Amino acid sequence: MTDDFEVVIGLEIHVQLDTETKMFCSCSTDYDDAEPNTHTCPVCLGLPGALPVVNKRAVEYAVRVGKALDCEIRDETRFHRKNYFYPDLPKNFQISQYDAPINEDGSLVVSVEDEDHEIRIRRAHMEEDPGSLVHKGGSIERSNYTLVDYNRSGTPLLETVTEPDIRSPEEARAVVDTLREILEYLDVFDASRAGALRVDANVSISQDGETGNRTEVKNIGSTKGVVRALRYEVTRQKNRLKRGGDVTQETRHYDDDRGVTVTLREKEEEKDYRYFEEADIPVLRTTEFKDDVGVPELPRERRDRFRDEYGVSDEVAEKLTSRKTVADMYEDVSESVDPQLAATWVADELLRELNYRDADVDTVDAQEFAALVSLVSDDELTDANGVEALRAALDEDRPPVDIVDERDLRAATEDETVEATREAIEENPDAVDDYLGGDDGAINFLVGQVMQKTGGSADPATVNEVLRDELDGRKKQEG
């Protein structure tokens, strides 16, 4: 055996569809701040005699995702019961899809270190979310006891299953990030909800052309967690193989606090779930509506258009399209100012300030922000004072132009700049002598003095130019 290991990863990405009601009942999915077990009914609790009714909006969302992933969308699809006992599934089975998923045989292109990789999508099928377990007193393996909240039980899920085409934890993260972007652009997913996206990863190591046993790492709740969990699991498996051991086929839990995976149970096989068709839900035919389900411009397409239409760089286009809300903001601002200037202010200034505050672009009014950038574009506001106004506006939740006027941040006029320049020259004869004596660096000190006199409202480049004109004029007179 050699140490020439190849990592083999396949992902199962579970995404809550952003519908108003649950998958098979009319219970509200707006339960984030609700008391436990208050968004339930006989259907999502699995009480005897309760009958499920399919959520049409969830099916339309599933079709929309399937089209975005270039999947084949079945004309007929059906639901099955996936039988296993978990305390957060009150029916003791999950309504899912088995041999007739609504979407199959698709693909997803991801970029890793500036190289594109195509990841095959095996299927993207509908199912219902279990409830949530609340472990009291520690993690899943250390808690004193566990509580069950069924509010989430029955929430529509779309599970996207990749082929084992992924070769590194970093590539796995790229898959999750790319899918997340697409889902946001499709308007079928609310990324702000806790637990709205969860990842299960199947990990194995190929050595000398033979792939070893795989482990399944369950319930990874973030893109950072994907990388941490898979790095740990890959290292664990490699070390075991290097020591001559075998990798046990099992299901493992990712402990985010410690950054490790721990054994949960032996890995179930497909036969263990005893799938059988859900008799209470008839075959679902998509032929009548699937052609009418549209797909908007997706992130990769919008990226290409921004480069072609607005002339921004690849790096800037990537930033501007990372979120649909950011891309929308950019296009709104570009309607009133130069697209290049708009790109700088959205991709650099705005996103930096929002990231610092852990805030979202949704909190910014596009027209108010465009008004600020317009002042910079018209030379009525310096970049530095524009940033000052933006920061204050974000902190105080006020229009930035109001901050500009309140703090008198508008750019100094030409006469004001010339007057401040002459005052700085008169008040700093030593710096003037240094400059006239050939020390060009002395000009920077004088620029600083002028900026101080104008409260930062003068344009530094203009100040530099005026200073040189004044001083060079004096030099000629003295010569």
Protein backbone atom coordinates (compact mmCIF):
# COMPACT_ATOMS: atom_id res chain seq x y z
CA MET A 1 0.00 0.00 0.00
CA THR A 2 1.22 3.54 -0.78
CA ASP A 3 0.55 6.83 0.93
CA ASP A 4 -0.89 8.21 -2.31
CA PHE A 5 -4.33 9.07 -0.95
CA GLU A 6 -7.20 10.61 -2.89
CA VAL A 7 -10.10 12.20 -1.05
CA VAL A 8 -13.59 11.26 -2.26
CA ILE A 9 -16.52 13.38 -1.03
CA GLY A 10 -20.19 13.48 -1.85
CA LEU A 11 -22.59 15.95 -0.30
CA GLU A 12 -26.23 15.88 0.74
CA ILE A 13 -27.32 19.50 1.12
CA HIS A 14 -30.63 20.01 2.93
CA VAL A 15 -32.27 23.36 2.32
CA GLN A 16 -35.49 24.68 3.82
CA LEU A 17 -37.73 26.07 1.09
CA ASP A 18 -39.02 29.52 2.02
CA THR A 19 -42.75 28.84 1.95
CA GLU A 20 -45.36 30.28 4.30
CA THR A 21 -46.71 26.88 5.32
CA LYS A 22 -45.31 23.42 5.87
CA MET A 23 -44.85 20.69 3.29
CA PHE A 24 -47.98 18.68 3.99
CA CYS A 25 -50.13 20.89 6.24
CA SER A 26 -51.16 24.50 6.74
CA CYS A 27 -49.06 25.17 9.84
CA SER A 28 -47.03 28.37 9.58
CA THR A 29 -43.28 28.10 9.04
CA ASP A 30 -42.76 31.43 10.82
CA TYR A 31 -41.79 29.79 14.10
CA ASP A 32 -38.34 31.23 14.87
CA ASP A 33 -39.47 33.26 17.88
CA ALA A 34 -42.41 31.04 18.81
CA GLU A 35 -42.78 28.98 21.95
CA PRO A 36 -41.81 25.31 21.43
CA ASN A 37 -44.45 23.02 19.98
CA THR A 38 -46.93 25.78 19.13
CA HIS A 39 -46.75 25.53 15.30
CA THR A 40 -48.10 22.00 15.09
CA CYS A 41 -51.21 20.14 14.02
CA PRO A 42 -52.36 16.49 13.74
CA VAL A 43 -50.67 16.20 10.30
CA CYS A 44 -47.15 17.33 11.24
CA LEU A 45 -47.42 15.49 14.56
CA GLY A 46 -48.37 12.29 12.77
CA LEU A 47 -51.57 11.66 14.70
CA PRO A 48 -53.77 8.74 13.56
CA GLY A 49 -56.13 9.57 10.71
CA ALA A 50 -54.38 12.82 9.70
CA LEU A 51 -53.84 13.10 5.93
CA PRO A 52 -51.06 15.06 4.20
CA VAL A 53 -51.73 17.55 1.38
CA VAL A 54 -48.79 18.58 -0.83
CA ASN A 55 -47.71 22.24 -0.73
CA LYS A 56 -47.95 23.44 -4.35
CA ARG A 57 -45.56 26.35 -3.81
CA ALA A 58 -42.88 23.96 -2.49
CA VAL A 59 -43.22 21.84 -5.63
CA GLU A 60 -42.86 24.92 -7.85
CA TYR A 61 -39.75 25.94 -5.91
CA ALA A 62 -38.30 22.45 -6.36
CA VAL A 63 -38.86 22.67 -10.12
CA ARG A 64 -37.21 26.10 -10.18
CA VAL A 65 -34.11 24.68 -8.45
CA GLY A 66 -34.07 21.70 -10.79
CA LYS A 67 -34.01 23.96 -13.83
CA ALA A 68 -31.20 26.08 -12.37
CA LEU A 69 -29.15 22.90 -11.82
CA ASP A 70 -29.81 21.63 -15.37
CA CYS A 71 -31.68 18.64 -13.98
CA GLU A 72 -34.10 16.40 -15.75
CA ILE A 73 -37.48 17.18 -14.21
CA ARG A 74 -39.75 14.15 -14.07
CA ASP A 75 -43.19 14.32 -15.61
CA GLU A 76 -44.38 12.14 -12.75
CA THR A 77 -42.93 12.02 -9.27
CA ARG A 78 -44.07 10.37 -6.07
CA PHE A 79 -43.43 10.31 -2.36
CA HIS A 80 -42.27 7.43 -0.15
CA ARG A 81 -42.07 6.71 3.53
CA LYS A 82 -38.53 6.49 4.84
CA ASN A 83 -38.85 4.41 8.00
CA TYR A 84 -36.58 4.95 10.98
CA PHE A 85 -37.01 5.97 14.56
CA TYR A 86 -35.81 9.35 15.70
CA PRO A 87 -37.45 11.27 18.56
CA ASP A 88 -37.78 14.38 16.38
CA LEU A 89 -39.94 12.50 13.84
CA PRO A 90 -43.25 11.87 15.59
CA LYS A 91 -44.60 9.66 12.78
CA ASN A 92 -41.59 7.30 13.05
CA PHE A 93 -41.09 7.81 9.32
CA GLN A 94 -40.20 10.69 7.08
CA ILE A 95 -42.15 11.50 3.92
CA SER A 96 -39.43 11.76 1.29
CA GLN A 97 -38.76 10.64 -2.29
CA TYR A 98 -37.03 7.43 -3.27
CA ASP A 99 -36.92 6.03 -6.79
CA ALA A 100 -38.83 8.85 -8.50
CA PRO A 101 -37.28 12.16 -7.33
CA ILE A 102 -38.63 15.29 -8.92
CA ASN A 103 -35.14 16.36 -10.16
CA GLU A 104 -32.22 14.19 -11.25
CA ASP A 105 -29.08 14.09 -13.43
CA GLY A 106 -28.01 17.73 -13.15
CA SER A 107 -24.74 19.58 -12.69
CA LEU A 108 -23.18 22.49 -10.86
CA VAL A 109 -20.06 24.42 -11.90
CA VAL A 110 -17.89 25.71 -9.06
CA SER A 111 -14.69 27.72 -9.07
CA VAL A 112 -11.75 26.66 -6.89
CA GLU A 113 -8.49 28.64 -7.12
CA ASP A 114 -9.67 30.21 -10.41
CA GLU A 115 -10.37 26.82 -11.96
CA ASP A 116 -13.86 25.65 -12.86
CA HIS A 117 -14.99 22.19 -11.78
CA GLU A 118 -18.22 20.50 -12.81
CA ILE A 119 -19.94 18.57 -10.03
CA ARG A 120 -22.63 16.13 -11.07
CA ILE A 121 -25.96 16.34 -9.26
CA ARG A 122 -27.52 12.93 -8.73
CA ARG A 123 -30.88 14.24 -7.54
CA ALA A 124 -32.65 17.11 -5.80
CA HIS A 125 -35.73 15.74 -4.09
CA MET A 126 -38.46 16.99 -1.77
CA GLU A 127 -39.05 15.86 1.77
CA GLU A 128 -40.13 17.15 5.17
CA ASP A 129 -37.86 18.44 7.89
CA PRO A 130 -37.80 16.67 11.27
CA GLY A 131 -38.30 18.61 14.47
CA SER A 132 -35.34 19.98 16.39
CA LEU A 133 -33.54 18.49 19.39
CA VAL A 134 -32.37 20.79 22.16
CA HIS A 135 -29.51 19.23 24.13
CA LYS A 136 -29.44 20.59 27.67
CA GLY A 137 -26.21 20.77 29.60
CA GLY A 138 -23.79 20.17 26.72
CA SER A 139 -23.32 18.69 23.27
CA ILE A 140 -25.16 15.69 21.88
CA GLU A 141 -22.77 13.30 23.65
CA ARG A 142 -22.51 15.21 26.94
CA SER A 143 -25.96 16.65 27.55
CA ASN A 144 -27.90 15.81 30.68
CA TYR A 145 -31.13 15.43 28.76
CA THR A 146 -32.69 16.39 25.43
CA LEU A 147 -35.90 18.29 24.63
CA VAL A 148 -37.86 18.03 21.40
CA ASP A 149 -39.45 20.98 19.59
CA TYR A 150 -41.81 19.94 16.78
CA ASN A 151 -42.32 23.46 15.38
CA ARG A 152 -39.89 22.70 12.55
CA SER A 153 -41.34 19.26 11.87
CA GLY A 154 -42.89 19.21 8.39
CA THR A 155 -41.09 22.28 7.01
CA PRO A 156 -40.43 21.78 3.27
CA LEU A 157 -36.93 20.56 2.49
CA LEU A 158 -35.08 20.13 -0.77
CA GLU A 159 -32.20 17.67 -0.52
CA THR A 160 -29.57 18.09 -3.23
CA VAL A 161 -27.33 15.03 -3.56
CA THR A 162 -24.06 15.25 -5.47
CA GLU A 163 -22.10 12.44 -7.03
CA PRO A 164 -18.80 11.69 -5.23
CA ASP A 165 -16.96 14.15 -7.50
CA ILE A 166 -15.51 16.39 -4.79
CA ARG A 167 -11.83 16.03 -3.98
CA SER A 168 -11.16 18.40 -1.09
CA PRO A 169 -12.88 20.15 1.82
CA GLU A 170 -12.30 23.46 0.04
CA GLU A 171 -14.08 22.21 -3.07
CA ALA A 172 -16.93 20.99 -0.87
CA ARG A 173 -17.28 24.47 0.56
CA ALA A 174 -17.33 25.91 -2.97
CA VAL A 175 -20.21 23.57 -3.84
CA VAL A 176 -22.22 24.67 -0.80
CA ASP A 177 -21.48 28.37 -1.39
CA THR A 178 -22.36 28.16 -5.07
CA LEU A 179 -25.62 26.33 -4.41
CA ARG A 180 -26.47 28.83 -1.69
CA GLU A 181 -25.94 31.72 -4.11
CA ILE A 182 -28.18 30.09 -6.70
CA LEU A 183 -30.94 29.42 -4.17
CA GLU A 184 -30.91 33.05 -3.06
CA TYR A 185 -31.13 34.26 -6.68
CA LEU A 186 -34.07 31.89 -7.20
CA ASP A 187 -35.83 33.47 -4.20
CA VAL A 188 -36.67 30.07 -2.70
CA PHE A 189 -34.44 30.21 0.38
CA ASP A 190 -33.95 32.48 3.38
CA ALA A 191 -30.29 32.30 4.37
CA SER A 192 -30.88 34.33 7.54
CA ARG A 193 -32.91 31.55 9.22
CA ALA A 194 -31.06 29.37 11.69
CA GLY A 195 -30.76 25.82 10.40
CA ALA A 196 -32.08 26.72 6.95
CA LEU A 197 -29.12 24.96 5.33
CA ARG A 198 -27.54 21.79 6.69
CA VAL A 199 -24.98 19.51 5.11
CA ASP A 200 -24.30 15.79 5.41
CA ALA A 201 -21.03 14.67 3.87
CA ASN A 202 -19.99 11.18 2.76
CA VAL A 203 -16.22 10.88 3.04
CA SER A 204 -13.87 8.11 1.96
CA ILE A 205 -10.23 7.71 0.99
CA SER A 206 -9.10 6.10 -2.25
CA GLN A 207 -5.73 4.36 -2.10
CA ASP A 208 -4.05 2.45 -4.95
CA GLY A 209 -7.23 2.75 -6.97
CA GLU A 210 -9.42 1.22 -4.26
CA THR A 211 -11.93 3.32 -2.36
CA GLY A 212 -12.28 2.46 1.30
CA ASN A 213 -15.30 2.50 3.55
CA ARG A 214 -17.11 5.79 3.76
CA THR A 215 -18.34 7.65 6.79
CA GLU A 216 -21.25 10.05 6.84
CA VAL A 217 -20.74 13.26 8.80
CA LYS A 218 -24.15 14.61 9.80
CA ASN A 219 -25.69 18.02 10.33
CA ILE A 220 -22.93 20.46 9.46
CA GLY A 221 -24.60 23.83 9.88
CA SER A 222 -22.33 26.36 8.13
CA THR A 223 -19.94 26.71 5.20
CA LYS A 224 -17.03 27.25 7.59
CA GLY A 225 -18.15 24.11 9.40
CA VAL A 226 -18.01 22.16 6.13
CA VAL A 227 -14.30 22.85 5.76
CA ARG A 228 -13.46 22.24 9.43
CA ALA A 229 -15.49 19.03 9.68
CA LEU A 230 -14.14 17.55 6.46
CA ARG A 231 -10.54 18.48 7.17
CA TYR A 232 -10.80 16.71 10.49
CA GLU A 233 -12.51 13.65 9.04
CA VAL A 234 -10.09 13.36 6.10
CA THR A 235 -7.11 13.60 8.47
CA ARG A 236 -8.66 11.05 10.83
CA GLN A 237 -9.20 8.52 8.05
CA LYS A 238 -5.73 9.03 6.54
CA ASN A 239 -4.03 8.58 9.91
CA ARG A 240 -5.99 5.39 10.53
CA LEU A 241 -4.97 3.97 7.15
CA LYS A 242 -1.33 4.96 7.64
CA ARG A 243 -1.30 2.98 10.89
CA GLY A 244 -2.61 -0.07 9.10
CA GLY A 245 -6.15 0.16 10.43
CA ASP A 246 -9.48 0.14 8.64
CA VAL A 247 -12.06 2.88 8.41
CA THR A 248 -15.36 1.79 9.91
CA GLN A 249 -18.46 2.51 7.87
CA GLU A 250 -20.47 4.62 10.27
CA THR A 251 -22.42 7.81 10.84
CA ARG A 252 -20.56 10.52 12.73
CA HIS A 253 -21.65 13.78 14.31
CA TYR A 254 -19.72 17.02 13.84
CA ASP A 255 -19.12 18.81 17.15
CA ASP A 256 -18.71 22.43 16.05
CA ASP A 257 -17.47 23.60 19.46
CA ARG A 258 -14.52 21.20 19.44
CA GLY A 259 -14.06 20.94 15.67
CA VAL A 260 -14.15 17.10 15.73
CA THR A 261 -16.38 14.31 14.47
CA VAL A 262 -17.64 11.66 16.90
CA THR A 263 -19.31 8.31 16.35
CA LEU A 264 -23.11 8.26 16.41
CA ARG A 265 -24.05 4.82 15.09
CA GLU A 266 -23.30 2.25 12.43
CA LYS A 267 -24.08 3.56 8.95
CA GLU A 268 -27.51 2.57 7.74
CA GLU A 269 -27.89 1.06 4.31
CA GLU A 270 -30.70 1.81 1.91
CA LYS A 271 -32.49 -1.41 2.81
CA ASP A 272 -32.58 -0.39 6.47
CA TYR A 273 -35.00 2.42 5.70
CA ARG A 274 -37.64 0.03 4.29
CA TYR A 275 -38.91 2.53 1.74
CA PHE A 276 -42.46 2.05 0.53
CA GLU A 277 -44.76 4.32 -1.42
CA GLU A 278 -46.77 6.90 0.54
CA ALA A 279 -50.31 5.70 0.01
CA ASP A 280 -51.91 8.94 1.22
CA ILE A 281 -50.28 11.06 -1.53
CA PRO A 282 -51.11 10.29 -5.19
CA VAL A 283 -48.58 10.44 -8.02
CA LEU A 284 -47.66 14.08 -8.69
CA ARG A 285 -47.69 15.12 -12.36
CA THR A 286 -45.58 18.16 -13.24
CA THR A 287 -46.40 18.35 -16.96
CA GLU A 288 -49.18 20.88 -16.44
CA PHE A 289 -47.01 23.55 -14.81
CA LYS A 290 -43.28 22.84 -15.03
CA ASP A 291 -42.83 24.65 -18.36
CA ASP A 292 -44.33 27.78 -16.80
CA VAL A 293 -41.83 27.89 -13.94
CA GLY A 294 -39.23 30.50 -14.83
CA VAL A 295 -35.61 30.89 -13.75
CA PRO A 296 -34.11 34.38 -13.31
CA GLU A 297 -30.58 35.45 -14.21
CA LEU A 298 -28.25 33.33 -12.08
CA PRO A 299 -25.01 34.43 -10.35
CA ARG A 300 -22.57 33.16 -13.00
CA GLU A 301 -24.59 34.76 -15.81
CA ARG A 302 -24.88 38.04 -13.92
CA ARG A 303 -21.13 37.99 -13.25
CA ASP A 304 -20.41 37.69 -16.96
CA ARG A 305 -22.86 40.50 -17.78
CA PHE A 306 -21.34 42.83 -15.20
CA ARG A 307 -17.91 42.31 -16.74
CA ASP A 308 -19.19 42.89 -20.27
CA GLU A 309 -21.70 45.67 -19.61
CA TYR A 310 -19.99 47.65 -16.85
CA GLY A 311 -16.33 46.82 -17.48
CA VAL A 312 -15.59 45.69 -13.93
CA SER A 313 -12.82 43.21 -13.16
CA ASP A 314 -13.36 39.53 -12.40
CA GLU A 315 -12.63 40.14 -8.70
CA VAL A 316 -15.08 43.03 -8.45
CA ALA A 317 -17.76 41.16 -10.41
CA GLU A 318 -17.37 38.28 -7.96
CA LYS A 319 -17.94 40.58 -4.99
CA LEU A 320 -20.88 42.35 -6.59
CA THR A 321 -22.74 39.14 -7.41
CA SER A 322 -21.95 37.14 -4.28
CA ARG A 323 -25.40 38.09 -2.99
CA LYS A 324 -28.43 38.97 -5.08
CA THR A 325 -29.18 41.89 -2.81
CA VAL A 326 -25.67 43.28 -3.39
CA ALA A 327 -26.00 42.90 -7.16
CA ASP A 328 -29.38 44.64 -7.08
CA MET A 329 -27.92 47.47 -5.00
CA TYR A 330 -25.07 47.92 -7.49
CA GLU A 331 -27.39 48.12 -10.48
CA ASP A 332 -29.63 50.61 -8.67
CA VAL A 333 -26.65 52.87 -7.88
CA SER A 334 -25.26 52.51 -11.43
CA GLU A 335 -28.41 54.08 -12.83
CA SER A 336 -27.37 57.47 -11.43
CA VAL A 337 -23.55 57.39 -11.26
CA ASP A 338 -20.67 56.01 -13.29
CA PRO A 339 -20.67 52.17 -13.04
CA GLN A 340 -16.97 52.05 -12.18
CA LEU A 341 -17.41 54.49 -9.29
CA ALA A 342 -20.52 52.64 -8.17
CA ALA A 343 -18.57 49.36 -8.20
CA THR A 344 -15.85 50.84 -5.99
CA TRP A 345 -18.33 52.19 -3.47
CA VAL A 346 -20.52 49.09 -3.31
CA ALA A 347 -17.85 46.36 -3.52
CA ASP A 348 -15.27 48.08 -1.33
CA GLU A 349 -16.65 50.83 0.90
CA LEU A 350 -20.20 49.62 1.55
CA LEU A 351 -19.43 45.90 1.94
CA ARG A 352 -16.45 46.62 4.18
CA GLU A 353 -18.53 48.78 6.53
CA LEU A 354 -21.39 46.28 6.55
CA ASN A 355 -19.06 43.34 7.25
CA TYR A 356 -17.47 45.28 10.11
CA ARG A 357 -20.92 45.74 11.64
CA ASP A 358 -22.09 42.21 10.77
CA ALA A 359 -24.97 43.86 8.91
CA ASP A 360 -26.71 43.00 5.66
CA VAL A 361 -27.11 45.14 2.57
CA ASP A 362 -30.88 44.87 3.05
CA THR A 363 -30.54 47.46 5.81
CA VAL A 364 -29.32 50.11 3.33
CA ASP A 365 -31.68 52.18 1.19
CA ALA A 366 -30.35 52.06 -2.38
CA GLN A 367 -31.56 55.54 -3.33
CA GLU A 368 -30.09 57.14 -0.22
CA PHE A 369 -26.76 55.41 -0.82
CA ALA A 370 -26.82 56.43 -4.51
CA ALA A 371 -27.35 60.05 -3.44
CA LEU A 372 -24.17 59.87 -1.36
CA VAL A 373 -22.13 58.39 -4.22
CA SER A 374 -23.54 61.05 -6.57
CA LEU A 375 -22.03 63.76 -4.33
CA VAL A 376 -18.64 62.07 -4.66
CA SER A 377 -19.13 61.71 -8.41
CA ASP A 378 -19.93 65.45 -8.73
CA ASP A 379 -16.86 66.40 -6.65
CA GLU A 380 -19.12 67.82 -3.97
CA LEU A 381 -17.78 65.34 -1.43
CA THR A 382 -14.33 63.84 -0.93
CA ASP A 383 -13.88 60.10 -0.64
CA ALA A 384 -12.79 60.43 2.99
CA ASN A 385 -15.79 62.52 3.99
CA GLY A 386 -18.08 60.23 2.01
CA VAL A 387 -16.83 57.29 4.07
CA GLU A 388 -17.32 59.30 7.28
CA ALA A 389 -20.91 60.04 6.30
CA LEU A 390 -21.54 56.40 5.38
CA ARG A 391 -20.22 55.14 8.71
CA ALA A 392 -22.32 57.59 10.69
CA ALA A 393 -25.39 56.79 8.60
CA LEU A 394 -25.02 53.06 9.27
CA ASP A 395 -24.43 53.60 12.98
CA GLU A 396 -27.34 56.02 13.39
CA ASP A 397 -29.70 54.52 10.80
CA ARG A 398 -30.06 57.82 8.97
CA PRO A 399 -29.71 58.98 5.33
CA PRO A 400 -26.01 59.67 4.64
CA VAL A 401 -26.73 62.97 2.87
CA ASP A 402 -28.32 64.23 6.11
CA ILE A 403 -25.03 63.46 7.85
CA VAL A 404 -23.13 65.35 5.14
CA ASP A 405 -25.21 68.48 5.64
CA GLU A 406 -25.31 68.24 9.43
CA ARG A 407 -21.53 67.93 9.72
CA ASP A 408 -20.79 70.35 6.87
CA LEU A 409 -18.80 67.68 5.02
CA ARG A 410 -19.27 68.95 1.50
CA ALA A 411 -16.09 69.61 -0.46
CA ALA A 412 -14.34 72.93 -0.04
CA THR A 413 -14.73 75.35 -2.92
CA GLU A 414 -11.78 76.34 -5.05
CA ASP A 415 -11.53 79.72 -3.29
CA GLU A 416 -11.64 78.03 0.13
CA THR A 417 -8.91 75.62 -0.92
CA VAL A 418 -6.65 78.40 -2.23
CA GLU A 419 -7.17 80.48 0.93
CA ALA A 420 -6.36 77.53 3.20
CA THR A 421 -3.32 76.73 1.09
CA ARG A 422 -1.92 80.25 1.41
CA GLU A 423 -2.53 80.23 5.17
CA ALA A 424 -0.65 76.93 5.51
CA ILE A 425 2.28 78.36 3.54
CA GLU A 426 2.46 81.48 5.71
CA GLU A 427 2.19 79.51 8.97
CA ASN A 428 4.83 76.87 8.11
CA PRO A 429 7.93 78.65 6.74
CA ASP A 430 10.28 75.79 7.67
CA ALA A 431 8.33 73.28 5.55
CA VAL A 432 8.24 75.83 2.72
CA ASP A 433 12.02 76.30 2.91
CA ASP A 434 12.52 72.52 2.89
CA TYR A 435 10.40 72.17 -0.25
CA LEU A 436 12.08 75.08 -1.99
CA GLY A 437 15.40 73.55 -1.03
CA GLY A 438 14.58 70.34 -2.90
CA ASP A 439 12.88 68.24 -0.21
CA ASP A 440 9.81 67.16 -2.18
CA GLY A 441 8.51 65.18 0.79
CA ALA A 442 7.81 68.42 2.65
CA ILE A 443 4.77 68.91 0.43
CA ASN A 444 3.01 66.07 2.26
CA PHE A 445 3.22 67.95 5.55
CA LEU A 446 1.74 71.05 3.95
CA VAL A 447 -1.06 69.03 2.35
CA GLY A 448 -1.90 67.72 5.81
CA GLN A 449 -2.05 71.27 7.19
CA VAL A 450 -4.45 72.35 4.45
CA MET A 451 -6.65 69.30 5.01
CA GLN A 452 -6.77 70.10 8.69
CA LYS A 453 -7.82 73.69 7.99
CA THR A 454 -10.63 72.56 5.66
CA GLY A 455 -11.83 69.86 8.02
CA GLY A 456 -10.93 67.23 5.44
CA SER A 457 -13.35 68.73 2.92
CA ALA A 458 -10.69 69.65 0.36
CA ASP A 459 -9.60 67.16 -2.28
CA PRO A 460 -6.01 66.06 -1.44
CA ALA A 461 -4.98 65.88 -5.10
CA THR A 462 -6.30 69.40 -5.71
CA VAL A 463 -4.53 70.67 -2.57
CA ASN A 464 -1.27 69.12 -3.75
CA GLU A 465 -1.62 70.80 -7.12
CA VAL A 466 -2.48 74.22 -5.67
CA LEU A 467 0.41 74.03 -3.20
CA ARG A 468 2.92 73.23 -5.91
CA ASP A 469 1.63 76.04 -8.10
CA GLU A 470 1.91 78.52 -5.23
CA LEU A 471 5.36 77.36 -4.09
CA ASP A 472 6.80 76.97 -7.57
CA GLY A 473 5.57 80.46 -8.32
CA ARG A 474 7.39 81.79 -5.28
CA LYS A 475 10.52 79.89 -6.28
CA LYS A 476 10.53 81.55 -9.69
CA GLN A 477 10.03 84.98 -8.09
CA GLU A 478 12.93 84.44 -5.71
CA GLY A 479 15.07 83.09 -8.53
